[in-house]
Structures are given as structure tokens and as C-alpha cells.
């Protein structure tokens, strides 16, 4: 499917936080986080913050809440911890903070992933949502999954010029329920 970019509109760079969830990675071997950060920067957005946390739901929740409260962060994208093993707790941490789920993100991610890895995609619990006016997306922890999630979905939906609609144009309305 083609993507329609309205070149008459200005590109609005977003401030994005990158979280790697892993018990084994650090900044010397965080290939998924490196892949995601490079793609974010290449498209004109800014990596405003980057962290690596172990698979601990309380720690992940606390970091998500800190970034949601930070007005300098528009979007949080995590990589890792979305599988089905006992240590995979990223979706559970996200569930604690999300105000609204973006169901279509996980559905579309798995549809696209199926074309590449077949039925193994059922092991992914990729998800998206909104909290405190901040978009949140959880991707699996492989560089391939990061590429799929960014290149096939997020790069388009986080581009203010994408037509017929995009998530950026909705940002001013994400907290309208708080206005009296």
C-alpha cells in the first residue's frame, strides 16, 4: 500500500523516548534499541531519552509514568518483553498506565509480521495506546520487529504530513477530556 505524504504541510518533529526491556542487554549490545534510535533520528524526530531496564513490571511502569509526566516527551517506544515467557512483562506494565488502547497497532503489527514470520507472530503481544497525552508503543525485542513496527507503521503515523490522517494531528486533542 502506498503512503500519501502531503509535501505542502510542514514536518513536525516529535520528541521520542526509547526504552529497551531486557535482562541481558546493555548499551554495548542493544541492537534493537540502536536500530530504533537510528530510524527515529533518520526521519527527523529526536530521541529525547533512552534507557535500558530489566524485565520488571514495577520498574517499567515507573519509567513509563516518568516519561508520560515529562512535557518534553511526545512518544514512548519500547522494545522487548512482549513475548509469552514468565519474564516478559512489558504489556502488563503498559496496561497499568494506559488510558486508551490503540488496538489497531498490535493487530496491524501482527498482520504485517505474519507475512514475514508466519504463525510465529502469535507470540508477539505488541501494543499501543495513549496516557497523559503521550503515545506509547511496545514492540518485540528483535531488530527485525523494530524495523517492521517503525518502517511499516510508526514512521507513517508519526509523520504530520501523512494523509488521510495521522496520530500527530490528534495530539492537541488527546487530553480534551480534562478541559472543563
N, C-alpha and C. Protein backbone atom coordinates (compact mmCIF):
# COMPACT_ATOMS: atom_id res chain seq x y z
N UNK A 1 0.84 -1.18 0.00
CA UNK A 1 0.00 0.00 0.00
C UNK A 1 0.88 1.24 0.00
N UNK A 2 0.53 2.20 -0.83
CA UNK A 2 1.27 3.44 -0.90
C UNK A 2 0.96 4.35 0.28
N UNK A 3 1.85 5.25 0.53
CA UNK A 3 1.66 6.22 1.61
C UNK A 3 1.64 7.59 0.99
N UNK A 4 0.67 8.39 1.38
CA UNK A 4 0.48 9.70 0.82
C UNK A 4 1.03 10.74 1.79
N UNK A 5 2.11 11.41 1.39
CA UNK A 5 2.70 12.48 2.19
C UNK A 5 2.35 13.80 1.51
N UNK A 6 1.69 14.68 2.24
CA UNK A 6 1.33 15.99 1.73
C UNK A 6 2.53 16.91 1.91
N UNK A 7 3.29 17.13 0.84
CA UNK A 7 4.51 17.92 0.91
C UNK A 7 4.24 19.41 1.11
N UNK A 8 2.97 19.84 1.02
CA UNK A 8 2.66 21.25 1.28
C UNK A 8 2.59 21.54 2.78
N UNK A 9 2.52 20.48 3.58
CA UNK A 9 2.49 20.63 5.04
C UNK A 9 3.90 20.54 5.61
N UNK A 10 4.10 21.19 6.74
CA UNK A 10 5.40 21.13 7.41
C UNK A 10 5.52 19.83 8.21
N UNK A 11 6.72 19.27 8.21
CA UNK A 11 7.02 18.11 9.06
C UNK A 11 7.18 18.62 10.49
N UNK A 12 6.51 17.97 11.44
CA UNK A 12 6.63 18.34 12.84
C UNK A 12 7.44 17.28 13.58
N UNK A 13 8.69 17.59 13.94
CA UNK A 13 9.49 16.59 14.64
C UNK A 13 8.97 16.35 16.06
N UNK A 14 8.94 15.09 16.44
CA UNK A 14 8.47 14.69 17.76
C UNK A 14 9.65 14.33 18.65
N UNK A 15 9.42 14.44 19.95
CA UNK A 15 10.41 14.06 20.96
C UNK A 15 10.05 12.65 21.43
N UNK A 16 10.92 11.69 21.17
CA UNK A 16 10.61 10.29 21.41
C UNK A 16 11.57 9.68 22.43
N UNK A 17 11.02 8.96 23.39
CA UNK A 17 11.83 8.21 24.36
C UNK A 17 11.87 6.75 23.92
N UNK A 18 13.05 6.15 24.01
CA UNK A 18 13.26 4.76 23.62
C UNK A 18 13.62 3.96 24.87
N UNK A 19 12.86 2.90 25.10
CA UNK A 19 13.10 2.02 26.25
C UNK A 19 13.36 0.61 25.75
N UNK A 20 14.50 0.06 26.11
CA UNK A 20 14.79 -1.34 25.85
C UNK A 20 14.53 -2.12 27.13
N UNK A 21 13.74 -3.18 27.03
CA UNK A 21 13.45 -4.04 28.18
C UNK A 21 14.18 -5.35 27.95
N UNK A 22 15.16 -5.63 28.82
CA UNK A 22 15.96 -6.84 28.67
C UNK A 22 16.74 -7.12 29.95
N UNK A 23 16.87 -8.40 30.25
CA UNK A 23 17.71 -8.83 31.38
C UNK A 23 19.16 -9.00 30.96
N UNK A 24 19.44 -8.97 29.67
CA UNK A 24 20.79 -9.30 29.19
C UNK A 24 21.47 -8.18 28.40
N UNK A 25 20.74 -7.19 27.97
CA UNK A 25 21.36 -6.16 27.12
C UNK A 25 21.81 -4.96 27.92
N UNK A 26 22.87 -4.32 27.39
CA UNK A 26 23.30 -3.02 27.87
C UNK A 26 23.58 -2.17 26.63
N UNK A 27 24.09 -0.97 26.80
CA UNK A 27 24.26 -0.10 25.64
C UNK A 27 25.31 -0.61 24.65
N UNK A 28 26.14 -1.55 25.05
CA UNK A 28 27.15 -2.10 24.12
C UNK A 28 26.57 -3.14 23.16
N UNK A 29 25.42 -3.73 23.50
CA UNK A 29 24.85 -4.78 22.65
C UNK A 29 23.33 -4.64 22.44
N UNK A 30 22.84 -3.43 22.59
CA UNK A 30 21.40 -3.18 22.43
C UNK A 30 21.08 -2.93 20.95
N UNK A 31 21.10 -3.99 20.17
CA UNK A 31 20.89 -3.85 18.73
C UNK A 31 19.49 -3.36 18.38
N UNK A 32 18.48 -3.79 19.12
CA UNK A 32 17.12 -3.33 18.86
C UNK A 32 16.96 -1.84 19.19
N UNK A 33 17.46 -1.44 20.33
CA UNK A 33 17.39 -0.03 20.72
C UNK A 33 18.18 0.85 19.75
N UNK A 34 19.36 0.36 19.35
CA UNK A 34 20.17 1.11 18.37
C UNK A 34 19.44 1.25 17.05
N UNK A 35 18.81 0.16 16.59
CA UNK A 35 18.06 0.18 15.33
C UNK A 35 16.92 1.19 15.41
N UNK A 36 16.18 1.17 16.50
CA UNK A 36 15.05 2.08 16.67
C UNK A 36 15.52 3.53 16.74
N UNK A 37 16.52 3.80 17.56
CA UNK A 37 17.02 5.18 17.72
C UNK A 37 17.52 5.74 16.39
N UNK A 38 18.24 4.93 15.63
CA UNK A 38 18.76 5.39 14.34
C UNK A 38 17.63 5.71 13.38
N UNK A 39 16.60 4.90 13.36
CA UNK A 39 15.46 5.14 12.46
C UNK A 39 14.69 6.39 12.88
N UNK A 40 14.53 6.60 14.15
CA UNK A 40 13.85 7.79 14.65
C UNK A 40 14.60 9.04 14.20
N UNK A 41 15.89 9.07 14.44
CA UNK A 41 16.71 10.24 14.08
C UNK A 41 16.75 10.45 12.57
N UNK A 42 16.85 9.36 11.81
CA UNK A 42 16.94 9.47 10.35
C UNK A 42 15.71 10.14 9.75
N UNK A 43 14.56 9.96 10.37
CA UNK A 43 13.33 10.53 9.82
C UNK A 43 13.07 11.96 10.30
N UNK A 44 13.94 12.49 11.15
CA UNK A 44 13.80 13.88 11.57
C UNK A 44 13.24 14.09 12.96
N UNK A 45 12.87 13.01 13.64
CA UNK A 45 12.42 13.12 15.02
C UNK A 45 13.65 13.13 15.92
N UNK A 46 13.45 13.39 17.21
CA UNK A 46 14.56 13.44 18.16
C UNK A 46 14.40 12.36 19.23
N UNK A 47 15.48 11.63 19.48
CA UNK A 47 15.49 10.71 20.62
C UNK A 47 15.79 11.58 21.84
N UNK A 48 14.74 11.86 22.59
CA UNK A 48 14.84 12.76 23.74
C UNK A 48 15.42 12.06 24.97
N UNK A 49 15.17 10.75 25.06
CA UNK A 49 15.65 9.98 26.21
C UNK A 49 15.79 8.52 25.78
N UNK A 50 16.70 7.82 26.43
CA UNK A 50 16.88 6.40 26.13
C UNK A 50 17.35 5.68 27.39
N UNK A 51 16.70 4.54 27.68
CA UNK A 51 17.04 3.74 28.86
C UNK A 51 16.96 2.27 28.54
N UNK A 52 17.63 1.48 29.35
CA UNK A 52 17.53 0.03 29.33
C UNK A 52 17.13 -0.40 30.73
N UNK A 53 16.05 -1.17 30.82
CA UNK A 53 15.59 -1.69 32.11
C UNK A 53 15.43 -3.20 32.00
N UNK A 54 15.61 -3.87 33.12
CA UNK A 54 15.39 -5.31 33.12
C UNK A 54 13.89 -5.60 33.10
N UNK A 55 13.54 -6.84 32.85
CA UNK A 55 12.14 -7.27 32.77
C UNK A 55 11.51 -7.24 34.17
N UNK A 56 11.08 -6.07 34.58
CA UNK A 56 10.47 -5.87 35.89
C UNK A 56 9.31 -4.90 35.70
N UNK A 57 8.08 -5.37 35.90
CA UNK A 57 6.89 -4.56 35.61
C UNK A 57 6.86 -3.27 36.41
N UNK A 58 7.28 -3.31 37.68
CA UNK A 58 7.26 -2.10 38.50
C UNK A 58 8.23 -1.05 37.97
N UNK A 59 9.43 -1.49 37.58
CA UNK A 59 10.41 -0.56 37.03
C UNK A 59 9.95 0.01 35.70
N UNK A 60 9.38 -0.82 34.85
CA UNK A 60 8.88 -0.36 33.55
C UNK A 60 7.75 0.64 33.76
N UNK A 61 6.82 0.30 34.64
CA UNK A 61 5.71 1.21 34.92
C UNK A 61 6.21 2.56 35.42
N UNK A 62 7.17 2.55 36.34
CA UNK A 62 7.69 3.80 36.89
C UNK A 62 8.34 4.65 35.79
N UNK A 63 9.09 4.01 34.90
CA UNK A 63 9.73 4.76 33.82
C UNK A 63 8.69 5.31 32.85
N UNK A 64 7.68 4.51 32.51
CA UNK A 64 6.61 5.00 31.64
C UNK A 64 5.92 6.20 32.27
N UNK A 65 5.60 6.12 33.55
CA UNK A 65 4.92 7.23 34.23
C UNK A 65 5.79 8.48 34.24
N UNK A 66 7.10 8.32 34.44
CA UNK A 66 8.00 9.48 34.43
C UNK A 66 8.01 10.15 33.06
N UNK A 67 8.07 9.34 32.00
CA UNK A 67 8.09 9.92 30.66
C UNK A 67 6.73 10.51 30.28
N UNK A 68 5.65 9.89 30.70
CA UNK A 68 4.31 10.43 30.44
C UNK A 68 4.18 11.80 31.10
N UNK A 69 4.72 11.96 32.29
CA UNK A 69 4.64 13.23 33.03
C UNK A 69 5.58 14.30 32.47
N UNK A 70 6.54 13.92 31.67
CA UNK A 70 7.54 14.84 31.13
C UNK A 70 6.99 15.54 29.88
N UNK A 71 6.77 16.85 29.93
CA UNK A 71 6.22 17.54 28.76
C UNK A 71 7.16 17.54 27.55
N UNK A 72 8.41 17.17 27.76
CA UNK A 72 9.38 17.11 26.65
C UNK A 72 9.29 15.80 25.88
N UNK A 73 8.45 14.86 26.31
CA UNK A 73 8.30 13.56 25.64
C UNK A 73 6.91 13.48 25.00
N UNK A 74 6.89 13.28 23.68
CA UNK A 74 5.63 13.13 22.96
C UNK A 74 5.22 11.66 22.79
N UNK A 75 6.22 10.79 22.64
CA UNK A 75 6.00 9.39 22.31
C UNK A 75 7.02 8.55 23.07
N UNK A 76 6.59 7.39 23.55
CA UNK A 76 7.49 6.39 24.13
C UNK A 76 7.37 5.13 23.28
N UNK A 77 8.51 4.60 22.86
CA UNK A 77 8.52 3.33 22.12
C UNK A 77 9.47 2.40 22.85
N UNK A 78 8.97 1.25 23.24
CA UNK A 78 9.82 0.25 23.90
C UNK A 78 10.04 -0.92 22.96
N UNK A 79 11.12 -1.63 23.24
CA UNK A 79 11.44 -2.84 22.51
C UNK A 79 11.82 -3.91 23.52
N UNK A 80 11.18 -5.05 23.42
CA UNK A 80 11.48 -6.16 24.32
C UNK A 80 10.41 -6.41 25.36
N UNK A 81 10.38 -7.65 25.84
CA UNK A 81 9.48 -8.03 26.91
C UNK A 81 8.03 -8.24 26.51
N UNK A 82 7.78 -8.42 25.20
CA UNK A 82 6.39 -8.56 24.75
C UNK A 82 6.01 -9.99 24.42
N UNK A 83 6.87 -10.93 24.73
CA UNK A 83 6.58 -12.33 24.43
C UNK A 83 5.70 -12.96 25.48
N UNK A 84 5.75 -14.30 25.56
CA UNK A 84 4.86 -15.02 26.46
C UNK A 84 5.59 -15.77 27.58
N UNK A 85 6.89 -15.56 27.71
CA UNK A 85 7.60 -16.25 28.77
C UNK A 85 7.31 -15.59 30.12
N UNK A 86 7.70 -16.24 31.17
CA UNK A 86 7.46 -15.73 32.51
C UNK A 86 8.10 -14.39 32.78
N UNK A 87 9.22 -14.08 32.12
CA UNK A 87 9.91 -12.82 32.34
C UNK A 87 9.35 -11.67 31.48
N UNK A 88 8.55 -11.97 30.49
CA UNK A 88 8.01 -10.95 29.58
C UNK A 88 6.84 -10.23 30.23
N UNK A 89 7.09 -8.99 30.72
CA UNK A 89 6.06 -8.27 31.48
C UNK A 89 5.80 -6.86 30.94
N UNK A 90 6.34 -6.53 29.78
CA UNK A 90 6.13 -5.18 29.24
C UNK A 90 4.64 -4.87 29.03
N UNK A 91 3.85 -5.74 28.40
CA UNK A 91 2.43 -5.41 28.23
C UNK A 91 1.70 -5.21 29.56
N UNK A 92 2.06 -5.98 30.56
CA UNK A 92 1.42 -5.82 31.87
C UNK A 92 1.74 -4.44 32.46
N UNK A 93 2.98 -3.98 32.30
CA UNK A 93 3.35 -2.65 32.80
C UNK A 93 2.59 -1.57 32.02
N UNK A 94 2.49 -1.72 30.72
CA UNK A 94 1.74 -0.77 29.90
C UNK A 94 0.28 -0.71 30.34
N UNK A 95 -0.31 -1.88 30.60
CA UNK A 95 -1.73 -1.92 30.99
C UNK A 95 -1.98 -1.09 32.25
N UNK A 96 -1.00 -0.98 33.11
CA UNK A 96 -1.15 -0.22 34.35
C UNK A 96 -1.24 1.29 34.09
N UNK A 97 -0.71 1.76 32.96
CA UNK A 97 -0.66 3.21 32.72
C UNK A 97 -1.56 3.69 31.59
N UNK A 98 -1.95 2.82 30.69
CA UNK A 98 -2.72 3.25 29.52
C UNK A 98 -4.10 3.78 29.90
N UNK A 99 -4.47 4.90 29.29
CA UNK A 99 -5.82 5.43 29.42
C UNK A 99 -6.69 4.89 28.28
N UNK A 100 -6.10 4.78 27.10
CA UNK A 100 -6.79 4.23 25.93
C UNK A 100 -5.82 3.36 25.16
N UNK A 101 -6.33 2.23 24.70
CA UNK A 101 -5.54 1.36 23.85
C UNK A 101 -5.74 1.75 22.39
N UNK A 102 -4.71 1.57 21.60
CA UNK A 102 -4.82 1.70 20.15
C UNK A 102 -4.75 0.27 19.62
N UNK A 103 -5.89 -0.40 19.66
CA UNK A 103 -5.95 -1.83 19.32
C UNK A 103 -5.38 -2.11 17.94
N UNK A 104 -5.64 -1.21 16.99
CA UNK A 104 -5.19 -1.44 15.63
C UNK A 104 -3.69 -1.56 15.47
N UNK A 105 -2.93 -0.95 16.38
CA UNK A 105 -1.47 -1.04 16.27
C UNK A 105 -0.99 -2.49 16.39
N UNK A 106 -1.40 -3.16 17.46
CA UNK A 106 -0.98 -4.55 17.66
C UNK A 106 -1.52 -5.46 16.57
N UNK A 107 -2.76 -5.21 16.17
CA UNK A 107 -3.37 -6.02 15.11
C UNK A 107 -2.62 -5.87 13.80
N UNK A 108 -2.32 -4.62 13.43
CA UNK A 108 -1.60 -4.37 12.18
C UNK A 108 -0.17 -4.91 12.26
N UNK A 109 0.47 -4.73 13.42
CA UNK A 109 1.83 -5.25 13.58
C UNK A 109 1.85 -6.76 13.33
N UNK A 110 0.93 -7.49 13.95
CA UNK A 110 0.90 -8.94 13.79
C UNK A 110 0.53 -9.35 12.36
N UNK A 111 -0.34 -8.59 11.70
CA UNK A 111 -0.69 -8.88 10.31
C UNK A 111 0.56 -8.75 9.42
N UNK A 112 1.28 -7.66 9.60
CA UNK A 112 2.49 -7.44 8.79
C UNK A 112 3.57 -8.47 9.14
N UNK A 113 3.69 -8.76 10.41
CA UNK A 113 4.68 -9.73 10.87
C UNK A 113 4.39 -11.12 10.33
N UNK A 114 3.12 -11.48 10.23
CA UNK A 114 2.72 -12.79 9.71
C UNK A 114 3.28 -13.00 8.30
N UNK A 115 3.31 -11.95 7.51
CA UNK A 115 3.82 -12.04 6.15
C UNK A 115 5.30 -12.38 6.13
N UNK A 116 6.00 -12.15 7.23
CA UNK A 116 7.45 -12.38 7.29
C UNK A 116 7.82 -13.62 8.09
N UNK A 117 7.11 -13.85 9.22
CA UNK A 117 7.50 -14.97 10.08
C UNK A 117 6.38 -15.99 10.29
N UNK A 118 5.29 -15.82 9.56
CA UNK A 118 4.21 -16.80 9.64
C UNK A 118 3.54 -16.83 11.00
N UNK A 119 3.11 -18.03 11.39
CA UNK A 119 2.33 -18.16 12.61
C UNK A 119 3.12 -17.84 13.88
N UNK A 120 4.43 -17.74 13.81
CA UNK A 120 5.22 -17.36 14.98
C UNK A 120 4.81 -16.00 15.53
N UNK A 121 4.14 -15.20 14.70
CA UNK A 121 3.72 -13.87 15.14
C UNK A 121 2.72 -13.93 16.31
N UNK A 122 2.06 -15.06 16.53
CA UNK A 122 1.12 -15.13 17.66
C UNK A 122 1.82 -14.97 18.99
N UNK A 123 3.14 -15.12 19.01
CA UNK A 123 3.90 -14.98 20.25
C UNK A 123 4.14 -13.52 20.62
N UNK A 124 3.79 -12.59 19.73
CA UNK A 124 4.01 -11.17 19.98
C UNK A 124 2.80 -10.55 20.65
N UNK A 125 3.07 -9.80 21.70
CA UNK A 125 2.00 -9.04 22.35
C UNK A 125 2.25 -7.54 22.16
N UNK A 126 2.72 -7.17 20.96
CA UNK A 126 2.94 -5.76 20.64
C UNK A 126 1.65 -4.98 20.88
N UNK A 127 1.77 -3.75 21.38
CA UNK A 127 0.59 -2.97 21.68
C UNK A 127 0.89 -1.48 21.59
N UNK A 128 -0.19 -0.71 21.51
CA UNK A 128 -0.08 0.74 21.50
C UNK A 128 -1.20 1.36 22.31
N UNK A 129 -1.00 2.61 22.71
CA UNK A 129 -2.01 3.32 23.46
C UNK A 129 -1.62 4.75 23.75
N UNK A 130 -2.43 5.37 24.61
CA UNK A 130 -2.24 6.76 24.99
C UNK A 130 -2.39 6.88 26.50
N UNK A 131 -1.57 7.73 27.11
CA UNK A 131 -1.71 8.07 28.52
C UNK A 131 -1.14 9.48 28.73
N UNK A 132 -1.90 10.31 29.40
CA UNK A 132 -1.43 11.65 29.72
C UNK A 132 -1.02 12.46 28.50
N UNK A 133 -1.65 12.22 27.37
CA UNK A 133 -1.31 12.94 26.16
C UNK A 133 -0.07 12.44 25.46
N UNK A 134 0.46 11.31 25.91
CA UNK A 134 1.67 10.72 25.33
C UNK A 134 1.30 9.41 24.64
N UNK A 135 1.82 9.22 23.44
CA UNK A 135 1.62 7.95 22.75
C UNK A 135 2.63 6.94 23.28
N UNK A 136 2.18 5.69 23.44
CA UNK A 136 3.03 4.60 23.93
C UNK A 136 2.90 3.40 23.01
N UNK A 137 4.06 2.84 22.61
CA UNK A 137 4.07 1.68 21.74
C UNK A 137 5.09 0.68 22.25
N UNK A 138 4.70 -0.59 22.33
CA UNK A 138 5.59 -1.67 22.77
C UNK A 138 5.82 -2.62 21.61
N UNK A 139 7.09 -2.75 21.21
CA UNK A 139 7.49 -3.64 20.13
C UNK A 139 8.26 -4.83 20.68
N UNK A 140 8.26 -5.94 19.96
CA UNK A 140 9.12 -7.06 20.36
C UNK A 140 10.60 -6.65 20.32
N UNK A 141 11.43 -7.47 20.93
CA UNK A 141 12.82 -7.12 21.14
C UNK A 141 13.82 -7.54 20.09
N UNK A 142 13.40 -7.77 18.87
CA UNK A 142 14.37 -8.10 17.82
C UNK A 142 14.51 -6.92 16.87
N UNK A 143 15.70 -6.74 16.28
CA UNK A 143 15.85 -5.66 15.29
C UNK A 143 14.85 -5.78 14.15
N UNK A 144 14.53 -6.99 13.73
CA UNK A 144 13.55 -7.18 12.66
C UNK A 144 12.18 -6.67 13.05
N UNK A 145 11.76 -6.95 14.28
CA UNK A 145 10.46 -6.48 14.75
C UNK A 145 10.44 -4.95 14.87
N UNK A 146 11.55 -4.38 15.31
CA UNK A 146 11.66 -2.93 15.40
C UNK A 146 11.53 -2.31 14.01
N UNK A 147 12.21 -2.90 13.05
CA UNK A 147 12.13 -2.40 11.67
C UNK A 147 10.70 -2.50 11.16
N UNK A 148 10.03 -3.63 11.40
CA UNK A 148 8.65 -3.79 10.96
C UNK A 148 7.74 -2.74 11.60
N UNK A 149 7.85 -2.58 12.90
CA UNK A 149 6.98 -1.64 13.61
C UNK A 149 7.23 -0.20 13.22
N UNK A 150 8.50 0.16 13.06
CA UNK A 150 8.81 1.54 12.69
C UNK A 150 8.55 1.78 11.21
N UNK A 151 9.19 0.98 10.36
CA UNK A 151 9.15 1.24 8.90
C UNK A 151 7.76 1.07 8.30
N UNK A 152 6.98 0.14 8.83
CA UNK A 152 5.70 -0.18 8.22
C UNK A 152 4.50 0.51 8.88
N UNK A 153 4.69 1.04 10.09
CA UNK A 153 3.55 1.65 10.79
C UNK A 153 3.91 3.02 11.37
N UNK A 154 4.82 3.03 12.33
CA UNK A 154 5.04 4.25 13.11
C UNK A 154 5.62 5.40 12.31
N UNK A 155 6.53 5.13 11.39
CA UNK A 155 7.11 6.23 10.61
C UNK A 155 6.02 7.01 9.89
N UNK A 156 4.96 6.34 9.48
CA UNK A 156 3.86 6.99 8.77
C UNK A 156 2.91 7.68 9.72
N UNK A 157 2.50 6.99 10.78
CA UNK A 157 1.53 7.56 11.70
C UNK A 157 2.11 8.67 12.57
N UNK A 158 3.44 8.73 12.69
CA UNK A 158 4.08 9.81 13.46
C UNK A 158 4.61 10.91 12.54
N UNK A 159 4.15 10.91 11.29
CA UNK A 159 4.51 11.96 10.34
C UNK A 159 3.30 12.87 10.16
N UNK A 160 3.44 14.11 10.53
CA UNK A 160 2.34 15.08 10.50
C UNK A 160 1.82 15.34 9.09
N UNK A 161 2.54 14.90 8.08
CA UNK A 161 2.13 15.13 6.69
C UNK A 161 1.40 13.94 6.08
N UNK A 162 1.35 12.82 6.79
CA UNK A 162 0.73 11.61 6.25
C UNK A 162 -0.78 11.80 6.10
N UNK A 163 -1.28 11.39 4.96
CA UNK A 163 -2.70 11.51 4.64
C UNK A 163 -3.29 10.14 4.36
N UNK A 164 -4.52 9.85 4.70
CA UNK A 164 -5.56 10.83 5.00
C UNK A 164 -5.56 11.30 6.45
N UNK A 165 -4.85 10.62 7.34
CA UNK A 165 -4.80 11.05 8.73
C UNK A 165 -3.56 10.47 9.38
N UNK A 166 -3.22 11.01 10.56
CA UNK A 166 -2.04 10.54 11.30
C UNK A 166 -2.26 10.82 12.77
N UNK A 167 -1.44 10.22 13.60
CA UNK A 167 -1.57 10.40 15.05
C UNK A 167 -1.13 11.78 15.52
N UNK A 168 -0.23 12.41 14.78
CA UNK A 168 0.30 13.71 15.19
C UNK A 168 -0.81 14.76 15.22
N UNK A 169 -1.67 14.75 14.21
CA UNK A 169 -2.72 15.76 14.15
C UNK A 169 -3.72 15.61 15.30
N UNK A 170 -3.75 14.48 15.94
CA UNK A 170 -4.65 14.26 17.08
C UNK A 170 -4.05 14.70 18.41
N UNK A 171 -2.75 14.95 18.44
CA UNK A 171 -2.07 15.25 19.70
C UNK A 171 -2.70 16.41 20.49
N UNK A 172 -3.11 17.51 19.84
CA UNK A 172 -3.72 18.59 20.62
C UNK A 172 -5.03 18.19 21.30
N UNK A 173 -5.63 17.09 20.86
CA UNK A 173 -6.93 16.68 21.40
C UNK A 173 -6.84 15.51 22.39
N UNK A 174 -5.65 15.01 22.64
CA UNK A 174 -5.52 13.81 23.46
C UNK A 174 -5.97 14.02 24.92
N UNK A 175 -5.93 15.25 25.38
CA UNK A 175 -6.32 15.49 26.77
C UNK A 175 -7.55 16.39 26.88
N UNK A 176 -8.34 16.46 25.82
CA UNK A 176 -9.51 17.34 25.85
C UNK A 176 -10.54 16.93 26.90
N UNK A 177 -10.49 15.67 27.34
CA UNK A 177 -11.40 15.22 28.39
C UNK A 177 -11.10 15.90 29.74
N UNK A 178 -9.94 16.50 29.87
CA UNK A 178 -9.56 17.16 31.12
C UNK A 178 -10.03 18.60 31.18
N UNK A 179 -10.46 19.16 30.05
CA UNK A 179 -10.91 20.55 30.00
C UNK A 179 -12.35 20.66 30.49
N UNK A 180 -12.58 21.64 31.33
CA UNK A 180 -13.93 21.83 31.87
C UNK A 180 -14.86 22.49 30.88
